[in-house]
Amino acid sequence: MKRLLLILILTFSFQTLAKADDIREFEIEGMSIGDSLLDYFSEEEINNFVLERFPKDDFVVVSVESEKFENYDAMQFDIIPNDNKYILYGVVGIIGYEKDIKSCYQKMGEIVDNLSSVLKNFHKVDHGRLKNPVGADPYGGTYDLVTFDKNKSGKSERVQVSCNDWSEKSGIIDSVKIEILSTELAYFIDYIAYE
């Protein structure tokens, strides 16, 4: 099935997304769930990416800033440790808003409004403002989160959008994140990663 391009930042052309039946049809910067990161970066490049770990080690996150990205300042990819194929279970696009949290919230609102109009078969939940986990930001900070879940065989695949308002002491730039999560990754995050 032809993949559908998910461009959430520069243009909001979502009409074709209404036909999406599978999370693998969505792309961020041309990358989708089930792809190999090796299709976009060399193994040497991947080994130089920043590696982050969940409290449980079923998945790891690799983060990268690259000139290859047209719409995002950085991206993150969720993969299984020691998978020499580097299969993507999560794809995240990030746009930074240094000292401009108002624009961050505004962009998040635009993205959520557009997704709400096209993801008719997904269950939307606005989680509101949440506190950052101490491990992520020991000085506080908050994030607003909206999720779009589609149940498949008792598990959900997910598209989610957040605006991350990090504490000043953390040194992390505020950002909007657009995330595509496979059923396996969404289940891991919801029920295993932080137990």
C-alpha atoms as a PDB file:
ATOM      1  CA  MET A   1       0.000   0.000   0.000  1.00  0.00           C
ATOM      2  CA  LYS A   2       1.318   3.422  -0.880  1.00  0.00           C
ATOM      3  CA  ARG A   3       2.757   5.259   2.106  1.00  0.00           C
ATOM      4  CA  LEU A   4       1.196   8.552   3.021  1.00  0.00           C
ATOM      5  CA  LEU A   5       3.421  11.506   3.692  1.00  0.00           C
ATOM      6  CA  LEU A   6       2.923  13.095   7.088  1.00  0.00           C
ATOM      7  CA  ILE A   7       4.249  16.646   6.891  1.00  0.00           C
ATOM      8  CA  LEU A   8       3.066  18.406  10.004  1.00  0.00           C
ATOM      9  CA  ILE A   9       5.220  21.453  10.036  1.00  0.00           C
ATOM     10  CA  LEU A  10       5.510  23.408   6.804  1.00  0.00           C
ATOM     11  CA  THR A  11       2.289  22.380   5.113  1.00  0.00           C
ATOM     12  CA  PHE A  12      -0.892  21.029   6.566  1.00  0.00           C
ATOM     13  CA  SER A  13      -2.155  18.951   3.671  1.00  0.00           C
ATOM     14  CA  PHE A  14      -3.827  16.052   5.473  1.00  0.00           C
ATOM     15  CA  GLN A  15      -6.650  15.116   3.117  1.00  0.00           C
ATOM     16  CA  THR A  16      -5.055  11.822   2.026  1.00  0.00           C
ATOM     17  CA  LEU A  17      -4.331  10.791   5.606  1.00  0.00           C
ATOM     18  CA  ALA A  18      -8.033  10.192   6.238  1.00  0.00           C
ATOM     19  CA  LYS A  19      -7.675   6.955   4.263  1.00  0.00           C
ATOM     20  CA  ALA A  20      -4.816   5.659   6.414  1.00  0.00           C
ATOM     21  CA  ASP A  21      -5.586   2.259   7.935  1.00  0.00           C
ATOM     22  CA  ASP A  22      -2.155   1.375   9.304  1.00  0.00           C
ATOM     23  CA  ILE A  23       0.424   3.377  11.243  1.00  0.00           C
ATOM     24  CA  ARG A  24       3.061   2.178   8.751  1.00  0.00           C
ATOM     25  CA  GLU A  25       1.467   4.430   6.143  1.00  0.00           C
ATOM     26  CA  PHE A  26       2.574   7.554   8.020  1.00  0.00           C
ATOM     27  CA  GLU A  27       5.983   9.102   7.427  1.00  0.00           C
ATOM     28  CA  ILE A  28       8.092  11.777   9.068  1.00  0.00           C
ATOM     29  CA  GLU A  29      10.922  12.993   6.830  1.00  0.00           C
ATOM     30  CA  GLY A  30      10.199   9.996   4.576  1.00  0.00           C
ATOM     31  CA  MET A  31      10.741   7.483   7.417  1.00  0.00           C
ATOM     32  CA  SER A  32       8.120   5.105   8.753  1.00  0.00           C
ATOM     33  CA  ILE A  33       7.547   2.322  11.272  1.00  0.00           C
ATOM     34  CA  GLY A  34       9.084  -0.925  10.004  1.00  0.00           C
ATOM     35  CA  ASP A  35      11.764   0.799   7.904  1.00  0.00           C
ATOM     36  CA  SER A  36      15.439   0.197   8.577  1.00  0.00           C
ATOM     37  CA  LEU A  37      17.422   3.178   9.818  1.00  0.00           C
ATOM     38  CA  LEU A  38      20.173   1.856   7.518  1.00  0.00           C
ATOM     39  CA  ASP A  39      18.062   3.007   4.556  1.00  0.00           C
ATOM     40  CA  TYR A  40      18.731   6.601   5.632  1.00  0.00           C
ATOM     41  CA  PHE A  41      22.036   6.576   7.522  1.00  0.00           C
ATOM     42  CA  SER A  42      25.206   4.501   7.458  1.00  0.00           C
ATOM     43  CA  GLU A  43      26.026   2.242  10.407  1.00  0.00           C
ATOM     44  CA  GLU A  44      28.946   4.537  11.205  1.00  0.00           C
ATOM     45  CA  GLU A  45      26.597   7.539  11.381  1.00  0.00           C
ATOM     46  CA  ILE A  46      24.138   5.595  13.553  1.00  0.00           C
ATOM     47  CA  ASN A  47      26.910   4.609  15.970  1.00  0.00           C
ATOM     48  CA  ASN A  48      27.660   8.325  16.458  1.00  0.00           C
ATOM     49  CA  PHE A  49      24.045   9.244  17.303  1.00  0.00           C
ATOM     50  CA  VAL A  50      23.152  10.085  20.895  1.00  0.00           C
ATOM     51  CA  LEU A  51      21.806   6.977  22.630  1.00  0.00           C
ATOM     52  CA  GLU A  52      19.165   7.238  25.356  1.00  0.00           C
ATOM     53  CA  ARG A  53      17.787   4.377  27.405  1.00  0.00           C
ATOM     54  CA  PHE A  54      14.432   3.677  28.994  1.00  0.00           C
ATOM     55  CA  PRO A  55      14.470   2.373  32.591  1.00  0.00           C
ATOM     56  CA  LYS A  56      13.734  -1.061  31.051  1.00  0.00           C
ATOM     57  CA  ASP A  57      15.910  -1.983  28.070  1.00  0.00           C
ATOM     58  CA  ASP A  58      13.492  -3.530  25.548  1.00  0.00           C
ATOM     59  CA  PHE A  59      13.944  -0.428  23.349  1.00  0.00           C
ATOM     60  CA  VAL A  60      16.504   2.372  23.063  1.00  0.00           C
ATOM     61  CA  VAL A  61      16.192   5.826  21.545  1.00  0.00           C
ATOM     62  CA  VAL A  62      18.731   7.257  19.136  1.00  0.00           C
ATOM     63  CA  SER A  63      18.682  11.017  18.635  1.00  0.00           C
ATOM     64  CA  VAL A  64      20.188  12.991  15.789  1.00  0.00           C
ATOM     65  CA  GLU A  65      20.360  16.442  14.264  1.00  0.00           C
ATOM     66  CA  SER A  66      21.050  16.328  10.540  1.00  0.00           C
ATOM     67  CA  GLU A  67      21.209  18.527   7.473  1.00  0.00           C
ATOM     68  CA  LYS A  68      19.125  15.801   5.787  1.00  0.00           C
ATOM     69  CA  PHE A  69      16.002  16.925   7.662  1.00  0.00           C
ATOM     70  CA  GLU A  70      13.837  19.415   5.818  1.00  0.00           C
ATOM     71  CA  ASN A  71      11.082  20.067   8.367  1.00  0.00           C
ATOM     72  CA  TYR A  72      12.599  19.229  11.750  1.00  0.00           C
ATOM     73  CA  ASP A  73      15.519  20.365  13.881  1.00  0.00           C
ATOM     74  CA  ALA A  74      16.129  16.862  15.210  1.00  0.00           C
ATOM     75  CA  MET A  75      14.688  13.368  15.115  1.00  0.00           C
ATOM     76  CA  GLN A  76      14.568  10.374  17.401  1.00  0.00           C
ATOM     77  CA  PHE A  77      14.218   6.723  16.476  1.00  0.00           C
ATOM     78  CA  ASP A  78      13.117   3.892  18.742  1.00  0.00           C
ATOM     79  CA  ILE A  79      14.879   0.603  18.011  1.00  0.00           C
ATOM     80  CA  ILE A  80      15.557  -2.704  19.748  1.00  0.00           C
ATOM     81  CA  PRO A  81      19.066  -2.905  21.273  1.00  0.00           C
ATOM     82  CA  ASN A  82      21.556  -4.966  19.260  1.00  0.00           C
ATOM     83  CA  ASP A  83      19.237  -5.202  16.232  1.00  0.00           C
ATOM     84  CA  ASN A  84      21.739  -5.113  13.360  1.00  0.00           C
ATOM     85  CA  LYS A  85      18.896  -4.235  10.959  1.00  0.00           C
ATOM     86  CA  TYR A  86      17.958  -1.116  13.003  1.00  0.00           C
ATOM     87  CA  ILE A  87      14.213  -1.589  12.426  1.00  0.00           C
ATOM     88  CA  LEU A  88      12.179   1.480  13.433  1.00  0.00           C
ATOM     89  CA  TYR A  89       9.458   1.011  16.059  1.00  0.00           C
ATOM     90  CA  GLY A  90       9.110   4.739  16.695  1.00  0.00           C
ATOM     91  CA  VAL A  91       9.807   7.832  14.593  1.00  0.00           C
ATOM     92  CA  VAL A  92       9.840  11.293  16.191  1.00  0.00           C
ATOM     93  CA  GLY A  93      10.192  14.728  14.602  1.00  0.00           C
ATOM     94  CA  ILE A  94      11.282  17.605  16.867  1.00  0.00           C
ATOM     95  CA  ILE A  95      11.137  21.383  16.370  1.00  0.00           C
ATOM     96  CA  GLY A  96      12.898  23.548  18.936  1.00  0.00           C
ATOM     97  CA  TYR A  97      11.448  26.750  20.383  1.00  0.00           C
ATOM     98  CA  GLU A  98      14.234  28.401  22.340  1.00  0.00           C
ATOM     99  CA  LYS A  99      12.702  30.941  24.743  1.00  0.00           C
ATOM    100  CA  ASP A 100       9.421  30.948  22.783  1.00  0.00           C
ATOM    101  CA  ILE A 101       7.048  28.569  24.550  1.00  0.00           C
ATOM    102  CA  LYS A 102       4.019  30.498  23.252  1.00  0.00           C
ATOM    103  CA  SER A 103       4.907  29.557  19.659  1.00  0.00           C
ATOM    104  CA  CYS A 104       5.474  25.969  20.787  1.00  0.00           C
ATOM    105  CA  TYR A 105       1.931  25.737  22.182  1.00  0.00           C
ATOM    106  CA  GLN A 106       0.528  27.449  19.083  1.00  0.00           C
ATOM    107  CA  LYS A 107       2.257  24.993  16.714  1.00  0.00           C
ATOM    108  CA  MET A 108       1.063  22.062  18.806  1.00  0.00           C
ATOM    109  CA  GLY A 109      -2.504  23.364  18.599  1.00  0.00           C
ATOM    110  CA  GLU A 110      -2.311  23.687  14.809  1.00  0.00           C
ATOM    111  CA  ILE A 111      -0.970  20.150  14.447  1.00  0.00           C
ATOM    112  CA  VAL A 112      -3.567  18.655  16.800  1.00  0.00           C
ATOM    113  CA  ASP A 113      -6.414  20.464  15.011  1.00  0.00           C
ATOM    114  CA  ASN A 114      -5.268  19.123  11.649  1.00  0.00           C
ATOM    115  CA  LEU A 115      -4.749  15.585  12.925  1.00  0.00           C
ATOM    116  CA  SER A 116      -8.168  15.638  14.623  1.00  0.00           C
ATOM    117  CA  SER A 117      -9.821  16.358  11.299  1.00  0.00           C
ATOM    118  CA  VAL A 118      -8.191  13.439   9.477  1.00  0.00           C
ATOM    119  CA  LEU A 119      -7.591  10.686  12.038  1.00  0.00           C
ATOM    120  CA  LYS A 120     -11.274   9.802  12.309  1.00  0.00           C
ATOM    121  CA  ASN A 121     -10.563   6.124  13.085  1.00  0.00           C
ATOM    122  CA  PHE A 122      -8.225   7.003  15.959  1.00  0.00           C
ATOM    123  CA  HIS A 123      -9.263   7.681  19.561  1.00  0.00           C
ATOM    124  CA  LYS A 124      -8.069  11.133  20.636  1.00  0.00           C
ATOM    125  CA  VAL A 125      -7.153  11.890  24.254  1.00  0.00           C
ATOM    126  CA  ASP A 126      -5.984  15.290  25.470  1.00  0.00           C
ATOM    127  CA  HIS A 127      -3.902  14.458  28.541  1.00  0.00           C
ATOM    128  CA  GLY A 128      -3.473  18.135  29.435  1.00  0.00           C
ATOM    129  CA  ARG A 129      -0.409  19.451  31.193  1.00  0.00           C
ATOM    130  CA  LEU A 130       1.772  16.839  32.879  1.00  0.00           C
ATOM    131  CA  LYS A 131       4.922  17.082  34.998  1.00  0.00           C
ATOM    132  CA  ASN A 132       8.170  15.924  33.443  1.00  0.00           C
ATOM    133  CA  PRO A 133       9.496  12.729  35.036  1.00  0.00           C
ATOM    134  CA  VAL A 134      12.302  13.456  37.521  1.00  0.00           C
ATOM    135  CA  GLY A 135      14.706  11.360  35.440  1.00  0.00           C
ATOM    136  CA  ALA A 136      14.035  13.514  32.376  1.00  0.00           C
ATOM    137  CA  ASP A 137      14.068  16.898  34.118  1.00  0.00           C
ATOM    138  CA  PRO A 138      15.034  16.864  37.808  1.00  0.00           C
ATOM    139  CA  TYR A 139      14.252  20.584  38.066  1.00  0.00           C
ATOM    140  CA  GLY A 140      10.605  20.341  37.015  1.00  0.00           C
ATOM    141  CA  GLY A 141       9.142  21.417  33.728  1.00  0.00           C
ATOM    142  CA  THR A 142       5.939  20.271  32.075  1.00  0.00           C
ATOM    143  CA  TYR A 143       4.626  18.940  28.816  1.00  0.00           C
ATOM    144  CA  ASP A 144       1.217  18.987  27.151  1.00  0.00           C
ATOM    145  CA  LEU A 145       0.264  15.743  25.421  1.00  0.00           C
ATOM    146  CA  VAL A 146      -2.408  14.680  22.940  1.00  0.00           C
ATOM    147  CA  THR A 147      -2.543  11.074  21.735  1.00  0.00           C
ATOM    148  CA  PHE A 148      -4.366   9.452  18.820  1.00  0.00           C
ATOM    149  CA  ASP A 149      -4.675   5.674  19.316  1.00  0.00           C
ATOM    150  CA  LYS A 150      -6.027   2.998  17.028  1.00  0.00           C
ATOM    151  CA  ASN A 151      -6.666  -0.365  18.656  1.00  0.00           C
ATOM    152  CA  LYS A 152      -5.371  -3.430  16.845  1.00  0.00           C
ATOM    153  CA  SER A 153      -5.682  -6.870  18.446  1.00  0.00           C
ATOM    154  CA  GLY A 154      -5.855  -5.492  21.983  1.00  0.00           C
ATOM    155  CA  LYS A 155      -2.917  -3.114  21.506  1.00  0.00           C
ATOM    156  CA  SER A 156      -2.850   0.399  20.141  1.00  0.00           C
ATOM    157  CA  GLU A 157      -0.713   2.032  17.518  1.00  0.00           C
ATOM    158  CA  ARG A 158      -0.296   5.718  18.206  1.00  0.00           C
ATOM    159  CA  VAL A 159       0.380   9.169  16.819  1.00  0.00           C
ATOM    160  CA  GLN A 160       1.077  11.721  19.526  1.00  0.00           C
ATOM    161  CA  VAL A 161       1.922  15.404  19.732  1.00  0.00           C
ATOM    162  CA  SER A 162       3.489  17.202  22.663  1.00  0.00           C
ATOM    163  CA  CYS A 163       4.832  20.617  23.600  1.00  0.00           C
ATOM    164  CA  ASN A 164       7.684  20.226  26.062  1.00  0.00           C
ATOM    165  CA  ASP A 165       8.295  23.136  28.443  1.00  0.00           C
ATOM    166  CA  TRP A 166      11.603  22.169  30.070  1.00  0.00           C
ATOM    167  CA  SER A 167      12.851  23.915  33.201  1.00  0.00           C
ATOM    168  CA  GLU A 168      15.483  26.566  32.585  1.00  0.00           C
ATOM    169  CA  LYS A 169      17.984  24.722  34.803  1.00  0.00           C
ATOM    170  CA  SER A 170      17.736  21.578  32.646  1.00  0.00           C
ATOM    171  CA  GLY A 171      19.369  23.388  29.724  1.00  0.00           C
ATOM    172  CA  ILE A 172      17.018  21.604  27.291  1.00  0.00           C
ATOM    173  CA  ILE A 173      15.326  23.686  24.583  1.00  0.00           C
ATOM    174  CA  ASP A 174      11.506  23.674  24.590  1.00  0.00           C
ATOM    175  CA  SER A 175      10.092  21.755  21.646  1.00  0.00           C
ATOM    176  CA  VAL A 176       7.142  20.339  19.768  1.00  0.00           C
ATOM    177  CA  LYS A 177       7.356  16.587  19.156  1.00  0.00           C
ATOM    178  CA  ILE A 178       5.379  14.610  16.611  1.00  0.00           C
ATOM    179  CA  GLU A 179       5.664  10.871  17.290  1.00  0.00           C
ATOM    180  CA  ILE A 180       4.596   7.726  15.455  1.00  0.00           C
ATOM    181  CA  LEU A 181       4.653   4.638  17.702  1.00  0.00           C
ATOM    182  CA  SER A 182       4.185   1.015  16.682  1.00  0.00           C
ATOM    183  CA  THR A 183       1.833  -1.175  18.725  1.00  0.00           C
ATOM    184  CA  GLU A 184       4.865  -2.832  20.354  1.00  0.00           C
ATOM    185  CA  LEU A 185       6.442   0.469  21.386  1.00  0.00           C
ATOM    186  CA  ALA A 186       3.176   2.044  22.609  1.00  0.00           C
ATOM    187  CA  TYR A 187       2.504  -1.032  24.771  1.00  0.00           C
ATOM    188  CA  PHE A 188       6.084  -0.984  26.102  1.00  0.00           C
ATOM    189  CA  ILE A 189       5.850   2.699  27.056  1.00  0.00           C
ATOM    190  CA  ASP A 190       2.386   2.335  28.634  1.00  0.00           C
ATOM    191  CA  TYR A 191       2.946  -0.859  30.631  1.00  0.00           C
ATOM    192  CA  ILE A 192       6.615  -1.883  30.875  1.00  0.00           C
ATOM    193  CA  ALA A 193       9.169   0.906  30.447  1.00  0.00           C
ATOM    194  CA  TYR A 194       8.555   2.758  33.700  1.00  0.00           C
ATOM    195  CA  GLU A 195       7.399  -0.046  36.045  1.00  0.00           C
END
